[in-house]
């Protein structure tokens, strides 16, 4: 006995025709685009720039206390001292010549006294003590922080 449900003109479904009917009912499948992903790690680039510190020393207060002058003034002072020494040496030689010329005016060894007087004149008469200055020098030190720049492969649109 055969029992059929449905319209009398419908035909029986076979397994092959059943699959075709299922495909008719599903939406069409779109072919997806293949995306290539490069997942290799990329190291960040770290750039560090440093500047050397700057140091300036102001020695003016120390030089003034010690009696040192600036370059131009010191050159002028050295010239004046040299001229004074030259004049002093010339006058000593003239005096020694006058004394040697008049041997009869002095008693004893005139040339020995001239040499002794020259020795005494050239000896250092004053003692200089070097000590630490009362005022220290002014030091201006500028230290610059390092400039650090890191570049990564992360793309950031910002806020």
C-alpha atoms as a PDB file:
ATOM      1  CA  UNK A   1       0.000   0.000   0.000  1.00  0.00           C
ATOM      2  CA  UNK A   2       1.378   3.304  -0.893  1.00  0.00           C
ATOM      3  CA  UNK A   3       0.640   6.460   0.940  1.00  0.00           C
ATOM      4  CA  UNK A   4       1.703   9.787  -0.450  1.00  0.00           C
ATOM      5  CA  UNK A   5       1.470  13.199   1.103  1.00  0.00           C
ATOM      6  CA  UNK A   6       1.372  16.199  -1.116  1.00  0.00           C
ATOM      7  CA  UNK A   7       0.069  17.077  -4.490  1.00  0.00           C
ATOM      8  CA  UNK A   8      -0.687  14.219  -6.814  1.00  0.00           C
ATOM      9  CA  UNK A   9       1.529  15.658  -9.530  1.00  0.00           C
ATOM     10  CA  UNK A  10       4.626  15.893  -7.331  1.00  0.00           C
ATOM     11  CA  UNK A  11       7.204  13.266  -7.816  1.00  0.00           C
ATOM     12  CA  UNK A  12       9.190  11.363  -5.255  1.00  0.00           C
ATOM     13  CA  UNK A  13      12.458  12.892  -4.080  1.00  0.00           C
ATOM     14  CA  UNK A  14      15.657  11.021  -4.527  1.00  0.00           C
ATOM     15  CA  UNK A  15      18.764  11.740  -2.455  1.00  0.00           C
ATOM     16  CA  UNK A  16      20.453  13.602  -5.344  1.00  0.00           C
ATOM     17  CA  UNK A  17      17.422  15.775  -5.960  1.00  0.00           C
ATOM     18  CA  UNK A  18      17.094  16.428  -2.235  1.00  0.00           C
ATOM     19  CA  UNK A  19      20.571  17.984  -2.185  1.00  0.00           C
ATOM     20  CA  UNK A  20      19.720  20.267  -5.052  1.00  0.00           C
ATOM     21  CA  UNK A  21      16.648  21.422  -3.200  1.00  0.00           C
ATOM     22  CA  UNK A  22      18.692  22.302  -0.099  1.00  0.00           C
ATOM     23  CA  UNK A  23      21.064  24.386  -2.168  1.00  0.00           C
ATOM     24  CA  UNK A  24      18.168  26.268  -3.665  1.00  0.00           C
ATOM     25  CA  UNK A  25      17.012  27.257  -0.193  1.00  0.00           C
ATOM     26  CA  UNK A  26      20.499  28.511   1.089  1.00  0.00           C
ATOM     27  CA  UNK A  27      21.797  31.935   0.166  1.00  0.00           C
ATOM     28  CA  UNK A  28      24.597  31.897  -2.372  1.00  0.00           C
ATOM     29  CA  UNK A  29      28.106  31.588  -0.856  1.00  0.00           C
ATOM     30  CA  UNK A  30      30.477  34.450  -1.656  1.00  0.00           C
ATOM     31  CA  UNK A  31      34.060  33.600  -2.308  1.00  0.00           C
ATOM     32  CA  UNK A  32      36.106  35.223   0.485  1.00  0.00           C
ATOM     33  CA  UNK A  33      39.193  37.176  -0.390  1.00  0.00           C
ATOM     34  CA  UNK A  34      42.390  35.652   0.946  1.00  0.00           C
ATOM     35  CA  UNK A  35      44.253  38.066   3.230  1.00  0.00           C
ATOM     36  CA  UNK A  36      47.961  37.597   3.644  1.00  0.00           C
ATOM     37  CA  UNK A  37      49.115  38.219   7.180  1.00  0.00           C
ATOM     38  CA  UNK A  38      52.762  38.784   7.986  1.00  0.00           C
ATOM     39  CA  UNK A  39      53.037  37.951  11.670  1.00  0.00           C
ATOM     40  CA  UNK A  40      56.835  38.144  11.835  1.00  0.00           C
ATOM     41  CA  UNK A  41      57.969  40.245  14.802  1.00  0.00           C
ATOM     42  CA  UNK A  42      59.573  43.571  13.966  1.00  0.00           C
ATOM     43  CA  UNK A  43      61.882  45.084  16.528  1.00  0.00           C
ATOM     44  CA  UNK A  44      61.366  48.654  17.644  1.00  0.00           C
ATOM     45  CA  UNK A  45      64.026  51.220  16.732  1.00  0.00           C
ATOM     46  CA  UNK A  46      65.467  53.062  19.728  1.00  0.00           C
ATOM     47  CA  UNK A  47      67.468  56.207  19.048  1.00  0.00           C
ATOM     48  CA  UNK A  48      69.216  58.027  21.898  1.00  0.00           C
ATOM     49  CA  UNK A  49      71.001  61.330  21.306  1.00  0.00           C
ATOM     50  CA  UNK A  50      73.115  62.856  24.005  1.00  0.00           C
ATOM     51  CA  UNK A  51      74.850  66.217  24.121  1.00  0.00           C
ATOM     52  CA  UNK A  52      78.033  66.796  26.032  1.00  0.00           C
ATOM     53  CA  UNK A  53      77.625  68.967  29.090  1.00  0.00           C
ATOM     54  CA  UNK A  54      78.885  72.526  28.809  1.00  0.00           C
ATOM     55  CA  UNK A  55      81.009  74.026  31.537  1.00  0.00           C
ATOM     56  CA  UNK A  56      82.195  77.605  31.697  1.00  0.00           C
ATOM     57  CA  UNK A  57      84.414  78.931  34.454  1.00  0.00           C
ATOM     58  CA  UNK A  58      84.591  82.631  35.348  1.00  0.00           C
ATOM     59  CA  UNK A  59      88.055  83.230  36.808  1.00  0.00           C
ATOM     60  CA  UNK A  60      87.827  87.052  36.936  1.00  0.00           C
ATOM     61  CA  UNK A  61      87.322  87.278  40.722  1.00  0.00           C
ATOM     62  CA  UNK A  62      90.236  84.923  41.403  1.00  0.00           C
ATOM     63  CA  UNK A  63      92.547  86.713  38.966  1.00  0.00           C
ATOM     64  CA  UNK A  64      91.708  90.126  40.422  1.00  0.00           C
ATOM     65  CA  UNK A  65      92.437  88.873  43.942  1.00  0.00           C
ATOM     66  CA  UNK A  66      95.747  87.316  42.876  1.00  0.00           C
ATOM     67  CA  UNK A  67      96.788  90.464  41.030  1.00  0.00           C
ATOM     68  CA  UNK A  68      96.500  88.962  37.559  1.00  0.00           C
ATOM     69  CA  UNK A  69      95.354  91.224  34.800  1.00  0.00           C
ATOM     70  CA  UNK A  70      93.612  90.607  31.535  1.00  0.00           C
ATOM     71  CA  UNK A  71      95.786  89.741  28.534  1.00  0.00           C
ATOM     72  CA  UNK A  72      96.258  93.279  27.128  1.00  0.00           C
ATOM     73  CA  UNK A  73      96.908  94.810  30.560  1.00  0.00           C
ATOM     74  CA  UNK A  74      99.319  92.002  31.427  1.00  0.00           C
ATOM     75  CA  UNK A  75     101.306  92.568  28.213  1.00  0.00           C
ATOM     76  CA  UNK A  76     101.632  96.261  29.043  1.00  0.00           C
ATOM     77  CA  UNK A  77     102.769  95.465  32.599  1.00  0.00           C
ATOM     78  CA  UNK A  78     105.379  92.971  31.363  1.00  0.00           C
ATOM     79  CA  UNK A  79     106.757  95.590  28.964  1.00  0.00           C
ATOM     80  CA  UNK A  80     106.991  98.159  31.778  1.00  0.00           C
ATOM     81  CA  UNK A  81     108.805  95.675  34.065  1.00  0.00           C
ATOM     82  CA  UNK A  82     111.275  94.778  31.273  1.00  0.00           C
ATOM     83  CA  UNK A  83     112.035  98.445  30.591  1.00  0.00           C
ATOM     84  CA  UNK A  84     112.535  99.094  34.319  1.00  0.00           C
ATOM     85  CA  UNK A  85     114.946  96.145  34.656  1.00  0.00           C
ATOM     86  CA  UNK A  86     116.874  97.262  31.573  1.00  0.00           C
ATOM     87  CA  UNK A  87     117.246 100.802  32.947  1.00  0.00           C
ATOM     88  CA  UNK A  88     118.317  99.435  36.356  1.00  0.00           C
ATOM     89  CA  UNK A  89     120.942  97.131  34.790  1.00  0.00           C
ATOM     90  CA  UNK A  90     122.325  99.985  32.681  1.00  0.00           C
ATOM     91  CA  UNK A  91     122.595 102.264  35.710  1.00  0.00           C
ATOM     92  CA  UNK A  92     124.346  99.522  37.749  1.00  0.00           C
ATOM     93  CA  UNK A  93     126.916  98.986  34.974  1.00  0.00           C
ATOM     94  CA  UNK A  94     127.535 102.722  34.684  1.00  0.00           C
ATOM     95  CA  UNK A  95     128.044 103.019  38.452  1.00  0.00           C
ATOM     96  CA  UNK A  96     130.391  99.997  38.446  1.00  0.00           C
ATOM     97  CA  UNK A  97     132.383 101.549  35.579  1.00  0.00           C
ATOM     98  CA  UNK A  98     132.682 104.866  37.431  1.00  0.00           C
ATOM     99  CA  UNK A  99     133.859 103.050  40.585  1.00  0.00           C
ATOM    100  CA  UNK A 100     136.409 101.000  38.633  1.00  0.00           C
ATOM    101  CA  UNK A 101     137.722 104.117  36.896  1.00  0.00           C
ATOM    102  CA  UNK A 102     138.489 105.828  40.179  1.00  0.00           C
ATOM    103  CA  UNK A 103     140.500 103.098  41.936  1.00  0.00           C
ATOM    104  CA  UNK A 104     142.281 105.582  44.144  1.00  0.00           C
ATOM    105  CA  UNK A 105     139.014 106.904  45.695  1.00  0.00           C
ATOM    106  CA  UNK A 106     138.099 103.621  47.402  1.00  0.00           C
ATOM    107  CA  UNK A 107     140.236 101.603  49.745  1.00  0.00           C
ATOM    108  CA  UNK A 108     140.639  97.833  49.294  1.00  0.00           C
ATOM    109  CA  UNK A 109     139.449  95.592  46.466  1.00  0.00           C
ATOM    110  CA  UNK A 110     137.108  97.698  44.320  1.00  0.00           C
ATOM    111  CA  UNK A 111     136.259  94.854  41.881  1.00  0.00           C
ATOM    112  CA  UNK A 112     135.375  92.503  44.782  1.00  0.00           C
ATOM    113  CA  UNK A 113     133.016  95.122  46.214  1.00  0.00           C
ATOM    114  CA  UNK A 114     131.426  95.698  42.796  1.00  0.00           C
ATOM    115  CA  UNK A 115     130.782  91.922  42.437  1.00  0.00           C
ATOM    116  CA  UNK A 116     129.420  91.749  45.994  1.00  0.00           C
ATOM    117  CA  UNK A 117     127.080  94.718  45.413  1.00  0.00           C
ATOM    118  CA  UNK A 118     125.859  93.143  42.159  1.00  0.00           C
ATOM    119  CA  UNK A 119     125.197  89.855  43.984  1.00  0.00           C
ATOM    120  CA  UNK A 120     123.213  91.601  46.751  1.00  0.00           C
ATOM    121  CA  UNK A 121     121.197  93.638  44.211  1.00  0.00           C
ATOM    122  CA  UNK A 122     120.137  90.553  42.287  1.00  0.00           C
ATOM    123  CA  UNK A 123     119.023  88.568  45.324  1.00  0.00           C
ATOM    124  CA  UNK A 124     115.311  88.273  45.863  1.00  0.00           C
ATOM    125  CA  UNK A 125     114.362  90.623  48.660  1.00  0.00           C
ATOM    126  CA  UNK A 126     110.775  89.608  49.207  1.00  0.00           C
ATOM    127  CA  UNK A 127     109.102  86.309  49.907  1.00  0.00           C
ATOM    128  CA  UNK A 128     105.799  85.518  48.191  1.00  0.00           C
ATOM    129  CA  UNK A 129     103.388  83.107  49.767  1.00  0.00           C
ATOM    130  CA  UNK A 130     100.944  81.356  47.499  1.00  0.00           C
ATOM    131  CA  UNK A 131      97.673  80.446  49.118  1.00  0.00           C
ATOM    132  CA  UNK A 132      94.161  79.569  48.104  1.00  0.00           C
ATOM    133  CA  UNK A 133      92.086  82.561  46.985  1.00  0.00           C
ATOM    134  CA  UNK A 134      89.343  83.958  49.219  1.00  0.00           C
ATOM    135  CA  UNK A 135      86.846  83.955  46.360  1.00  0.00           C
ATOM    136  CA  UNK A 136      86.257  80.829  44.380  1.00  0.00           C
ATOM    137  CA  UNK A 137      85.646  80.816  40.696  1.00  0.00           C
ATOM    138  CA  UNK A 138      82.134  80.815  39.319  1.00  0.00           C
ATOM    139  CA  UNK A 139      81.330  77.644  37.405  1.00  0.00           C
ATOM    140  CA  UNK A 140      78.342  77.449  35.090  1.00  0.00           C
ATOM    141  CA  UNK A 141      77.494  73.844  34.229  1.00  0.00           C
ATOM    142  CA  UNK A 142      74.744  72.948  31.772  1.00  0.00           C
ATOM    143  CA  UNK A 143      73.730  69.319  31.516  1.00  0.00           C
ATOM    144  CA  UNK A 144      71.318  68.379  28.773  1.00  0.00           C
ATOM    145  CA  UNK A 145      68.933  65.425  29.147  1.00  0.00           C
ATOM    146  CA  UNK A 146      69.191  62.711  26.517  1.00  0.00           C
ATOM    147  CA  UNK A 147      66.773  62.831  23.601  1.00  0.00           C
ATOM    148  CA  UNK A 148      65.120  59.411  23.331  1.00  0.00           C
ATOM    149  CA  UNK A 149      63.071  58.462  20.281  1.00  0.00           C
ATOM    150  CA  UNK A 150      61.356  55.069  19.909  1.00  0.00           C
ATOM    151  CA  UNK A 151      59.886  53.980  16.586  1.00  0.00           C
ATOM    152  CA  UNK A 152      57.645  50.905  16.632  1.00  0.00           C
ATOM    153  CA  UNK A 153      55.642  49.192  13.941  1.00  0.00           C
ATOM    154  CA  UNK A 154      52.433  50.083  15.786  1.00  0.00           C
ATOM    155  CA  UNK A 155      50.301  52.473  13.769  1.00  0.00           C
ATOM    156  CA  UNK A 156      48.570  54.945  16.040  1.00  0.00           C
ATOM    157  CA  UNK A 157      46.070  57.426  14.676  1.00  0.00           C
ATOM    158  CA  UNK A 158      46.281  59.519  17.812  1.00  0.00           C
ATOM    159  CA  UNK A 159      43.499  60.891  19.959  1.00  0.00           C
END
